[in-house]
């Protein structure tokens, strides 16, 4: 009987631990959630570039933004993150480091002329569901940038690596 009571006491004490995160852990988790929400989309191989002029300055600005985001992410104390939060932090870091390498080393805007062919996406705009006037305005805006993007491509392409 004594062993039974001892076992019950151990089980009950093991089940009654407080698993709530500390204030510091909750703050780190909230900071990570805010970071992930505000993480900018990739500005790598032309993704998200259709509405930009694709100038050297634009690519440099995107690189500086990636560097800033990586510093902000690394400012979060990972010792306070648990479970999914730690996985999310590692995943965000791997995305940003990959983007950083592409922007600082690979520099696809100097190698791949297809990056500057954003006008090919106009048919996707026109065939998508939605308001026709908005689609026409979006297509016009993209086509207006096309000569600028192609001109920047002529200046910036140095190699062809498909």
C-alpha atoms as a PDB file:
ATOM      1  CA  UNK A   1       0.000   0.000   0.000  1.00  0.00           C
ATOM      2  CA  UNK A   2       2.830   2.314   0.877  1.00  0.00           C
ATOM      3  CA  UNK A   3       4.396   1.770  -2.571  1.00  0.00           C
ATOM      4  CA  UNK A   4       1.050   2.461  -4.225  1.00  0.00           C
ATOM      5  CA  UNK A   5       0.697   5.787  -2.386  1.00  0.00           C
ATOM      6  CA  UNK A   6       4.293   6.689  -3.195  1.00  0.00           C
ATOM      7  CA  UNK A   7       3.735   5.947  -6.897  1.00  0.00           C
ATOM      8  CA  UNK A   8       0.526   8.005  -6.911  1.00  0.00           C
ATOM      9  CA  UNK A   9       2.286  10.918  -5.215  1.00  0.00           C
ATOM     10  CA  UNK A  10       5.066  10.828  -7.811  1.00  0.00           C
ATOM     11  CA  UNK A  11       2.590  10.670 -10.704  1.00  0.00           C
ATOM     12  CA  UNK A  12       0.484  13.499  -9.321  1.00  0.00           C
ATOM     13  CA  UNK A  13       3.497  15.701  -8.684  1.00  0.00           C
ATOM     14  CA  UNK A  14       4.775  14.979 -12.195  1.00  0.00           C
ATOM     15  CA  UNK A  15       1.447  15.916 -13.761  1.00  0.00           C
ATOM     16  CA  UNK A  16       1.020  19.136 -11.868  1.00  0.00           C
ATOM     17  CA  UNK A  17       4.078  20.976 -13.129  1.00  0.00           C
ATOM     18  CA  UNK A  18       3.495  24.430 -14.534  1.00  0.00           C
ATOM     19  CA  UNK A  19       4.282  24.328 -18.264  1.00  0.00           C
ATOM     20  CA  UNK A  20       3.454  27.955 -18.904  1.00  0.00           C
ATOM     21  CA  UNK A  21       6.315  29.889 -20.489  1.00  0.00           C
ATOM     22  CA  UNK A  22       8.125  32.501 -18.473  1.00  0.00           C
ATOM     23  CA  UNK A  23       7.620  36.166 -19.282  1.00  0.00           C
ATOM     24  CA  UNK A  24      10.956  36.196 -21.135  1.00  0.00           C
ATOM     25  CA  UNK A  25      10.010  33.110 -23.170  1.00  0.00           C
ATOM     26  CA  UNK A  26       6.619  34.600 -24.029  1.00  0.00           C
ATOM     27  CA  UNK A  27       8.276  37.869 -25.087  1.00  0.00           C
ATOM     28  CA  UNK A  28      10.782  36.036 -27.311  1.00  0.00           C
ATOM     29  CA  UNK A  29       7.960  33.996 -28.845  1.00  0.00           C
ATOM     30  CA  UNK A  30       5.926  37.149 -29.523  1.00  0.00           C
ATOM     31  CA  UNK A  31       8.956  38.888 -31.037  1.00  0.00           C
ATOM     32  CA  UNK A  32       9.497  35.904 -33.352  1.00  0.00           C
ATOM     33  CA  UNK A  33       5.810  35.824 -34.358  1.00  0.00           C
ATOM     34  CA  UNK A  34       5.966  39.529 -35.237  1.00  0.00           C
ATOM     35  CA  UNK A  35       9.198  38.994 -37.182  1.00  0.00           C
ATOM     36  CA  UNK A  36       7.738  36.117 -39.214  1.00  0.00           C
ATOM     37  CA  UNK A  37       4.604  38.153 -39.961  1.00  0.00           C
ATOM     38  CA  UNK A  38       6.700  41.050 -41.259  1.00  0.00           C
ATOM     39  CA  UNK A  39       9.268  38.943 -43.135  1.00  0.00           C
ATOM     40  CA  UNK A  40       9.541  40.366 -46.637  1.00  0.00           C
ATOM     41  CA  UNK A  41       9.043  38.130 -49.636  1.00  0.00           C
ATOM     42  CA  UNK A  42      12.028  36.905 -51.578  1.00  0.00           C
ATOM     43  CA  UNK A  43      13.681  39.394 -53.866  1.00  0.00           C
ATOM     44  CA  UNK A  44      15.864  36.810 -55.499  1.00  0.00           C
ATOM     45  CA  UNK A  45      15.511  35.517 -59.032  1.00  0.00           C
ATOM     46  CA  UNK A  46      13.061  38.150 -60.184  1.00  0.00           C
ATOM     47  CA  UNK A  47      10.436  37.152 -57.643  1.00  0.00           C
ATOM     48  CA  UNK A  48       8.551  40.239 -56.651  1.00  0.00           C
ATOM     49  CA  UNK A  49      10.561  42.327 -59.114  1.00  0.00           C
ATOM     50  CA  UNK A  50       7.849  42.728 -61.754  1.00  0.00           C
ATOM     51  CA  UNK A  51       6.818  46.092 -60.304  1.00  0.00           C
ATOM     52  CA  UNK A  52      10.346  47.343 -59.640  1.00  0.00           C
ATOM     53  CA  UNK A  53      12.765  49.050 -62.015  1.00  0.00           C
ATOM     54  CA  UNK A  54      15.307  46.249 -61.389  1.00  0.00           C
ATOM     55  CA  UNK A  55      18.145  48.751 -61.121  1.00  0.00           C
ATOM     56  CA  UNK A  56      21.417  48.066 -59.339  1.00  0.00           C
ATOM     57  CA  UNK A  57      20.188  50.352 -56.570  1.00  0.00           C
ATOM     58  CA  UNK A  58      17.017  48.290 -56.161  1.00  0.00           C
ATOM     59  CA  UNK A  59      18.990  45.059 -55.853  1.00  0.00           C
ATOM     60  CA  UNK A  60      21.342  46.699 -53.341  1.00  0.00           C
ATOM     61  CA  UNK A  61      18.377  47.997 -51.329  1.00  0.00           C
ATOM     62  CA  UNK A  62      16.927  44.461 -51.265  1.00  0.00           C
ATOM     63  CA  UNK A  63      20.292  43.112 -50.084  1.00  0.00           C
ATOM     64  CA  UNK A  64      20.486  45.679 -47.282  1.00  0.00           C
ATOM     65  CA  UNK A  65      16.931  44.803 -46.244  1.00  0.00           C
ATOM     66  CA  UNK A  66      17.883  41.120 -46.052  1.00  0.00           C
ATOM     67  CA  UNK A  67      20.940  41.973 -43.924  1.00  0.00           C
ATOM     68  CA  UNK A  68      18.764  44.056 -41.602  1.00  0.00           C
ATOM     69  CA  UNK A  69      16.177  41.297 -41.280  1.00  0.00           C
ATOM     70  CA  UNK A  70      18.884  38.756 -40.485  1.00  0.00           C
ATOM     71  CA  UNK A  71      20.281  41.013 -37.732  1.00  0.00           C
ATOM     72  CA  UNK A  72      16.784  41.489 -36.291  1.00  0.00           C
ATOM     73  CA  UNK A  73      16.162  37.751 -36.317  1.00  0.00           C
ATOM     74  CA  UNK A  74      19.487  37.014 -34.653  1.00  0.00           C
ATOM     75  CA  UNK A  75      18.626  39.574 -31.988  1.00  0.00           C
ATOM     76  CA  UNK A  76      16.001  37.130 -30.680  1.00  0.00           C
ATOM     77  CA  UNK A  77      17.407  35.020 -27.842  1.00  0.00           C
ATOM     78  CA  UNK A  78      17.007  31.458 -29.113  1.00  0.00           C
ATOM     79  CA  UNK A  79      17.640  29.997 -25.654  1.00  0.00           C
ATOM     80  CA  UNK A  80      14.167  31.281 -24.763  1.00  0.00           C
ATOM     81  CA  UNK A  81      12.443  29.607 -27.722  1.00  0.00           C
ATOM     82  CA  UNK A  82      10.913  26.158 -27.450  1.00  0.00           C
ATOM     83  CA  UNK A  83       9.396  23.635 -29.862  1.00  0.00           C
ATOM     84  CA  UNK A  84       7.734  25.130 -32.932  1.00  0.00           C
ATOM     85  CA  UNK A  85       9.096  28.600 -32.189  1.00  0.00           C
ATOM     86  CA  UNK A  86      12.663  27.332 -32.343  1.00  0.00           C
ATOM     87  CA  UNK A  87      11.896  25.476 -35.577  1.00  0.00           C
ATOM     88  CA  UNK A  88      10.348  28.655 -37.046  1.00  0.00           C
ATOM     89  CA  UNK A  89      13.416  30.668 -36.028  1.00  0.00           C
ATOM     90  CA  UNK A  90      15.776  28.179 -37.673  1.00  0.00           C
ATOM     91  CA  UNK A  91      13.626  28.070 -40.809  1.00  0.00           C
ATOM     92  CA  UNK A  92      13.510  31.881 -41.062  1.00  0.00           C
ATOM     93  CA  UNK A  93      17.276  32.039 -40.599  1.00  0.00           C
ATOM     94  CA  UNK A  94      17.875  29.462 -43.327  1.00  0.00           C
ATOM     95  CA  UNK A  95      15.642  31.410 -45.728  1.00  0.00           C
ATOM     96  CA  UNK A  96      17.420  34.690 -44.992  1.00  0.00           C
ATOM     97  CA  UNK A  97      20.921  33.203 -45.161  1.00  0.00           C
ATOM     98  CA  UNK A  98      20.061  31.623 -48.512  1.00  0.00           C
ATOM     99  CA  UNK A  99      18.697  34.947 -49.747  1.00  0.00           C
ATOM    100  CA  UNK A 100      21.807  36.717 -48.430  1.00  0.00           C
ATOM    101  CA  UNK A 101      24.117  34.318 -50.299  1.00  0.00           C
ATOM    102  CA  UNK A 102      22.123  34.730 -53.500  1.00  0.00           C
ATOM    103  CA  UNK A 103      22.132  38.524 -53.233  1.00  0.00           C
ATOM    104  CA  UNK A 104      25.782  38.949 -52.230  1.00  0.00           C
ATOM    105  CA  UNK A 105      27.486  36.099 -54.087  1.00  0.00           C
ATOM    106  CA  UNK A 106      25.317  34.561 -56.785  1.00  0.00           C
ATOM    107  CA  UNK A 107      23.839  37.871 -58.057  1.00  0.00           C
ATOM    108  CA  UNK A 108      21.449  36.330 -60.590  1.00  0.00           C
ATOM    109  CA  UNK A 109      20.601  39.767 -62.052  1.00  0.00           C
ATOM    110  CA  UNK A 110      24.111  39.770 -63.548  1.00  0.00           C
ATOM    111  CA  UNK A 111      23.766  36.281 -65.078  1.00  0.00           C
ATOM    112  CA  UNK A 112      20.221  35.451 -66.091  1.00  0.00           C
ATOM    113  CA  UNK A 113      18.526  37.564 -68.755  1.00  0.00           C
ATOM    114  CA  UNK A 114      15.214  35.825 -68.049  1.00  0.00           C
ATOM    115  CA  UNK A 115      14.960  37.827 -64.829  1.00  0.00           C
ATOM    116  CA  UNK A 116      14.281  40.932 -66.884  1.00  0.00           C
ATOM    117  CA  UNK A 117      11.441  39.322 -68.837  1.00  0.00           C
ATOM    118  CA  UNK A 118       8.772  40.177 -66.273  1.00  0.00           C
ATOM    119  CA  UNK A 119       6.425  41.284 -69.053  1.00  0.00           C
ATOM    120  CA  UNK A 120       5.710  37.608 -69.723  1.00  0.00           C
ATOM    121  CA  UNK A 121       3.556  37.615 -66.591  1.00  0.00           C
ATOM    122  CA  UNK A 122       1.096  40.088 -68.112  1.00  0.00           C
ATOM    123  CA  UNK A 123      -0.980  37.260 -69.585  1.00  0.00           C
ATOM    124  CA  UNK A 124      -1.346  35.825 -66.079  1.00  0.00           C
ATOM    125  CA  UNK A 125      -2.722  39.153 -64.892  1.00  0.00           C
ATOM    126  CA  UNK A 126      -5.214  39.382 -67.739  1.00  0.00           C
ATOM    127  CA  UNK A 127      -6.451  35.795 -67.450  1.00  0.00           C
ATOM    128  CA  UNK A 128      -6.810  35.839 -63.676  1.00  0.00           C
ATOM    129  CA  UNK A 129     -10.247  36.280 -62.120  1.00  0.00           C
ATOM    130  CA  UNK A 130     -11.114  39.698 -60.830  1.00  0.00           C
ATOM    131  CA  UNK A 131     -12.064  43.221 -61.797  1.00  0.00           C
ATOM    132  CA  UNK A 132     -11.219  43.906 -65.449  1.00  0.00           C
ATOM    133  CA  UNK A 133     -10.284  47.543 -64.896  1.00  0.00           C
ATOM    134  CA  UNK A 134      -7.855  46.616 -62.115  1.00  0.00           C
ATOM    135  CA  UNK A 135      -6.295  43.947 -64.349  1.00  0.00           C
ATOM    136  CA  UNK A 136      -5.894  46.468 -67.182  1.00  0.00           C
ATOM    137  CA  UNK A 137      -4.293  49.004 -64.818  1.00  0.00           C
ATOM    138  CA  UNK A 138      -1.915  46.356 -63.422  1.00  0.00           C
ATOM    139  CA  UNK A 139      -0.937  45.237 -66.933  1.00  0.00           C
ATOM    140  CA  UNK A 140      -0.331  48.845 -68.043  1.00  0.00           C
ATOM    141  CA  UNK A 141       1.819  49.539 -64.980  1.00  0.00           C
ATOM    142  CA  UNK A 142       3.920  46.440 -65.628  1.00  0.00           C
ATOM    143  CA  UNK A 143       4.297  47.191 -69.343  1.00  0.00           C
ATOM    144  CA  UNK A 144       5.293  50.780 -68.552  1.00  0.00           C
ATOM    145  CA  UNK A 145       8.236  49.433 -66.510  1.00  0.00           C
ATOM    146  CA  UNK A 146       9.330  46.963 -69.191  1.00  0.00           C
ATOM    147  CA  UNK A 147      11.631  49.335 -71.164  1.00  0.00           C
ATOM    148  CA  UNK A 148      13.289  50.501 -67.920  1.00  0.00           C
ATOM    149  CA  UNK A 149      13.799  46.918 -66.712  1.00  0.00           C
ATOM    150  CA  UNK A 150      15.221  45.797 -70.061  1.00  0.00           C
ATOM    151  CA  UNK A 151      17.555  48.798 -70.158  1.00  0.00           C
ATOM    152  CA  UNK A 152      18.803  47.970 -66.667  1.00  0.00           C
ATOM    153  CA  UNK A 153      19.240  44.369 -67.783  1.00  0.00           C
ATOM    154  CA  UNK A 154      21.456  45.485 -70.675  1.00  0.00           C
ATOM    155  CA  UNK A 155      23.673  47.410 -68.253  1.00  0.00           C
ATOM    156  CA  UNK A 156      23.826  44.784 -65.521  1.00  0.00           C
ATOM    157  CA  UNK A 157      24.138  41.463 -67.341  1.00  0.00           C
ATOM    158  CA  UNK A 158      27.759  40.350 -67.328  1.00  0.00           C
ATOM    159  CA  UNK A 159      27.561  36.569 -67.871  1.00  0.00           C
ATOM    160  CA  UNK A 160      25.038  34.082 -69.105  1.00  0.00           C
ATOM    161  CA  UNK A 161      24.603  31.160 -66.775  1.00  0.00           C
ATOM    162  CA  UNK A 162      21.264  29.398 -67.432  1.00  0.00           C
END
